[in-house]
Amino acid sequence: MTLPSSNRVSIDDVVVSAEHCLKRPLEPIERLILKSSWQGLPYTAIATTSGYANVYVREVGARLWQALSEALGTKVTKKRLPW
């Protein structure tokens, strides 16, 4: 799979690429975490604005980064997105 390589990749392209990598649609909380992380927001801000518990946001985020890491064959973290 070829990932978008431009520094001007849109968040919508990132979501589509992530869903393609995972071979499934992102859950709403995963989409929120991915979009917010792309914007550089911390988990606390994501939790506060979304109404989810901070610990839940962190757990879902960790599972999302792990799933993307396995799908892409490279380490993906909140601060190290491959797009």
N, C-alpha and C. Protein backbone atom coordinates (compact mmCIF):
# COMPACT_ATOMS: atom_id res chain seq x y z
N MET A 1 0.83 -1.17 0.00
CA MET A 1 0.00 0.00 0.00
C MET A 1 0.88 1.24 0.00
N THR A 2 0.50 2.21 -0.78
CA THR A 2 1.22 3.47 -0.82
C THR A 2 0.51 4.49 0.04
N LEU A 3 1.26 5.10 0.94
CA LEU A 3 0.70 6.12 1.81
C LEU A 3 0.89 7.48 1.17
N PRO A 4 0.01 8.43 1.44
CA PRO A 4 0.22 9.78 0.93
C PRO A 4 1.56 10.31 1.42
N SER A 5 2.32 10.95 0.53
CA SER A 5 3.66 11.38 0.90
C SER A 5 3.80 12.89 1.04
N SER A 6 2.80 13.63 0.69
CA SER A 6 2.88 15.08 0.76
C SER A 6 2.80 15.57 2.20
N ASN A 7 3.50 16.66 2.49
CA ASN A 7 3.40 17.27 3.80
C ASN A 7 2.05 17.95 3.98
N ARG A 8 1.30 18.06 2.91
CA ARG A 8 0.00 18.71 2.95
C ARG A 8 -1.13 17.69 2.86
N VAL A 9 -0.94 16.55 3.44
CA VAL A 9 -1.96 15.51 3.46
C VAL A 9 -3.12 15.99 4.32
N SER A 10 -4.33 15.81 3.83
CA SER A 10 -5.49 16.23 4.62
C SER A 10 -5.82 15.17 5.66
N ILE A 11 -6.50 15.58 6.69
CA ILE A 11 -6.90 14.65 7.74
C ILE A 11 -7.84 13.60 7.17
N ASP A 12 -8.64 13.97 6.19
CA ASP A 12 -9.53 12.99 5.57
C ASP A 12 -8.73 11.91 4.85
N ASP A 13 -7.62 12.29 4.21
CA ASP A 13 -6.74 11.31 3.57
C ASP A 13 -6.12 10.39 4.61
N VAL A 14 -5.77 10.94 5.75
CA VAL A 14 -5.18 10.14 6.83
C VAL A 14 -6.19 9.12 7.34
N VAL A 15 -7.42 9.54 7.54
CA VAL A 15 -8.47 8.63 8.00
C VAL A 15 -8.69 7.51 6.98
N VAL A 16 -8.80 7.86 5.71
CA VAL A 16 -9.00 6.86 4.66
C VAL A 16 -7.82 5.89 4.63
N SER A 17 -6.60 6.40 4.73
CA SER A 17 -5.42 5.54 4.73
C SER A 17 -5.41 4.61 5.93
N ALA A 18 -5.76 5.13 7.09
CA ALA A 18 -5.80 4.30 8.30
C ALA A 18 -6.84 3.19 8.15
N GLU A 19 -8.00 3.53 7.64
CA GLU A 19 -9.05 2.53 7.45
C GLU A 19 -8.62 1.49 6.43
N HIS A 20 -7.94 1.93 5.40
CA HIS A 20 -7.43 0.99 4.39
C HIS A 20 -6.40 0.05 5.01
N CYS A 21 -5.50 0.59 5.80
CA CYS A 21 -4.47 -0.23 6.47
C CYS A 21 -5.10 -1.26 7.39
N LEU A 22 -6.10 -0.84 8.14
CA LEU A 22 -6.74 -1.71 9.13
C LEU A 22 -7.79 -2.63 8.51
N LYS A 23 -8.16 -2.33 7.26
CA LYS A 23 -9.18 -3.12 6.54
C LYS A 23 -10.52 -3.11 7.27
N ARG A 24 -10.80 -1.96 7.89
CA ARG A 24 -12.09 -1.78 8.57
C ARG A 24 -12.28 -0.28 8.81
N PRO A 25 -13.54 0.12 8.97
CA PRO A 25 -13.77 1.54 9.30
C PRO A 25 -13.33 1.83 10.73
N LEU A 26 -12.86 3.02 10.96
CA LEU A 26 -12.50 3.44 12.31
C LEU A 26 -13.77 3.65 13.13
N GLU A 27 -13.70 3.29 14.39
CA GLU A 27 -14.78 3.59 15.32
C GLU A 27 -14.77 5.11 15.54
N PRO A 28 -15.90 5.69 15.93
CA PRO A 28 -15.94 7.14 16.14
C PRO A 28 -14.85 7.65 17.10
N ILE A 29 -14.60 6.94 18.19
CA ILE A 29 -13.56 7.38 19.13
C ILE A 29 -12.18 7.26 18.50
N GLU A 30 -11.94 6.24 17.68
CA GLU A 30 -10.65 6.10 17.00
C GLU A 30 -10.45 7.24 16.01
N ARG A 31 -11.50 7.57 15.29
CA ARG A 31 -11.44 8.67 14.32
C ARG A 31 -11.13 9.99 15.05
N LEU A 32 -11.78 10.20 16.18
CA LEU A 32 -11.55 11.40 16.98
C LEU A 32 -10.10 11.45 17.47
N ILE A 33 -9.60 10.34 17.96
CA ILE A 33 -8.22 10.29 18.46
C ILE A 33 -7.23 10.54 17.33
N LEU A 34 -7.46 9.92 16.17
CA LEU A 34 -6.55 10.11 15.04
C LEU A 34 -6.56 11.56 14.58
N LYS A 35 -7.74 12.12 14.40
CA LYS A 35 -7.83 13.52 13.95
C LYS A 35 -7.22 14.48 14.97
N SER A 36 -7.51 14.26 16.23
CA SER A 36 -6.99 15.15 17.28
C SER A 36 -5.47 15.01 17.42
N SER A 37 -4.97 13.80 17.29
CA SER A 37 -3.52 13.58 17.35
C SER A 37 -2.84 14.25 16.17
N TRP A 38 -3.46 14.18 15.01
CA TRP A 38 -2.93 14.83 13.80
C TRP A 38 -2.80 16.33 14.04
N GLN A 39 -3.71 16.88 14.85
CA GLN A 39 -3.68 18.31 15.16
C GLN A 39 -2.76 18.62 16.34
N GLY A 40 -2.17 17.59 16.94
CA GLY A 40 -1.23 17.79 18.04
C GLY A 40 -1.87 17.93 19.41
N LEU A 41 -3.13 17.57 19.54
CA LEU A 41 -3.81 17.70 20.83
C LEU A 41 -3.43 16.57 21.77
N PRO A 42 -3.26 16.86 23.06
CA PRO A 42 -2.97 15.81 24.04
C PRO A 42 -4.23 15.02 24.38
N TYR A 43 -4.03 13.82 24.92
CA TYR A 43 -5.16 12.98 25.31
C TYR A 43 -6.10 13.70 26.27
N THR A 44 -5.55 14.49 27.17
CA THR A 44 -6.40 15.20 28.13
C THR A 44 -7.38 16.13 27.42
N ALA A 45 -6.91 16.81 26.40
CA ALA A 45 -7.79 17.71 25.64
C ALA A 45 -8.84 16.92 24.87
N ILE A 46 -8.43 15.78 24.31
CA ILE A 46 -9.38 14.93 23.59
C ILE A 46 -10.47 14.46 24.54
N ALA A 47 -10.06 14.02 25.72
CA ALA A 47 -11.02 13.54 26.71
C ALA A 47 -11.96 14.65 27.17
N THR A 48 -11.40 15.80 27.45
CA THR A 48 -12.20 16.93 27.94
C THR A 48 -13.25 17.36 26.92
N THR A 49 -12.84 17.50 25.67
CA THR A 49 -13.77 17.99 24.65
C THR A 49 -14.77 16.94 24.20
N SER A 50 -14.42 15.67 24.36
CA SER A 50 -15.31 14.60 23.87
C SER A 50 -16.24 14.05 24.94
N GLY A 51 -15.88 14.24 26.21
CA GLY A 51 -16.68 13.68 27.28
C GLY A 51 -16.28 12.27 27.68
N TYR A 52 -15.32 11.69 26.97
CA TYR A 52 -14.81 10.37 27.35
C TYR A 52 -13.82 10.53 28.50
N ALA A 53 -13.66 9.48 29.29
CA ALA A 53 -12.68 9.49 30.37
C ALA A 53 -11.27 9.48 29.77
N ASN A 54 -10.36 10.18 30.41
CA ASN A 54 -8.99 10.26 29.93
C ASN A 54 -8.38 8.86 29.79
N VAL A 55 -8.60 8.00 30.76
CA VAL A 55 -8.02 6.66 30.71
C VAL A 55 -8.57 5.87 29.52
N TYR A 56 -9.85 6.05 29.20
CA TYR A 56 -10.45 5.36 28.06
C TYR A 56 -9.84 5.86 26.75
N VAL A 57 -9.67 7.16 26.62
CA VAL A 57 -9.06 7.73 25.42
C VAL A 57 -7.65 7.18 25.24
N ARG A 58 -6.89 7.11 26.33
CA ARG A 58 -5.53 6.57 26.26
C ARG A 58 -5.52 5.10 25.85
N GLU A 59 -6.45 4.31 26.41
CA GLU A 59 -6.51 2.88 26.08
C GLU A 59 -6.87 2.66 24.61
N VAL A 60 -7.87 3.38 24.13
CA VAL A 60 -8.27 3.25 22.73
C VAL A 60 -7.14 3.73 21.82
N GLY A 61 -6.49 4.82 22.20
CA GLY A 61 -5.36 5.33 21.42
C GLY A 61 -4.25 4.30 21.33
N ALA A 62 -3.91 3.69 22.46
CA ALA A 62 -2.84 2.68 22.47
C ALA A 62 -3.19 1.51 21.56
N ARG A 63 -4.44 1.06 21.62
CA ARG A 63 -4.86 -0.04 20.74
C ARG A 63 -4.82 0.36 19.27
N LEU A 64 -5.21 1.60 18.98
CA LEU A 64 -5.19 2.09 17.60
C LEU A 64 -3.76 2.15 17.07
N TRP A 65 -2.84 2.71 17.87
CA TRP A 65 -1.44 2.81 17.41
C TRP A 65 -0.84 1.42 17.22
N GLN A 66 -1.17 0.48 18.11
CA GLN A 66 -0.66 -0.89 17.99
C GLN A 66 -1.20 -1.54 16.72
N ALA A 67 -2.48 -1.39 16.46
CA ALA A 67 -3.08 -1.99 15.26
C ALA A 67 -2.47 -1.39 13.99
N LEU A 68 -2.27 -0.08 13.97
CA LEU A 68 -1.66 0.56 12.81
C LEU A 68 -0.20 0.13 12.66
N SER A 69 0.51 -0.01 13.78
CA SER A 69 1.90 -0.47 13.73
C SER A 69 1.99 -1.85 13.10
N GLU A 70 1.11 -2.74 13.51
CA GLU A 70 1.11 -4.10 12.97
C GLU A 70 0.74 -4.09 11.49
N ALA A 71 -0.23 -3.30 11.11
CA ALA A 71 -0.68 -3.25 9.72
C ALA A 71 0.37 -2.65 8.80
N LEU A 72 1.09 -1.64 9.29
CA LEU A 72 2.08 -0.94 8.47
C LEU A 72 3.48 -1.52 8.56
N GLY A 73 3.74 -2.31 9.60
CA GLY A 73 5.07 -2.86 9.78
C GLY A 73 6.08 -1.84 10.25
N THR A 74 5.62 -0.76 10.85
CA THR A 74 6.49 0.27 11.40
C THR A 74 5.80 0.85 12.64
N LYS A 75 6.60 1.30 13.58
CA LYS A 75 6.03 1.80 14.84
C LYS A 75 5.23 3.08 14.61
N VAL A 76 4.00 3.05 15.07
CA VAL A 76 3.12 4.21 15.01
C VAL A 76 2.76 4.60 16.44
N THR A 77 2.92 5.86 16.75
CA THR A 77 2.53 6.37 18.06
C THR A 77 1.75 7.67 17.86
N LYS A 78 1.23 8.18 18.93
CA LYS A 78 0.48 9.43 18.87
C LYS A 78 1.33 10.56 18.29
N LYS A 79 2.60 10.56 18.62
CA LYS A 79 3.50 11.61 18.14
C LYS A 79 4.28 11.21 16.90
N ARG A 80 4.08 9.98 16.47
CA ARG A 80 4.84 9.49 15.30
C ARG A 80 3.87 8.83 14.31
N LEU A 81 3.13 9.66 13.63
CA LEU A 81 2.19 9.19 12.62
C LEU A 81 2.90 9.10 11.27
N PRO A 82 2.64 8.06 10.49
CA PRO A 82 3.40 7.85 9.25
C PRO A 82 2.94 8.69 8.07
N TRP A 83 1.99 9.59 8.26
CA TRP A 83 1.48 10.34 7.12
C TRP A 83 2.01 11.73 7.10
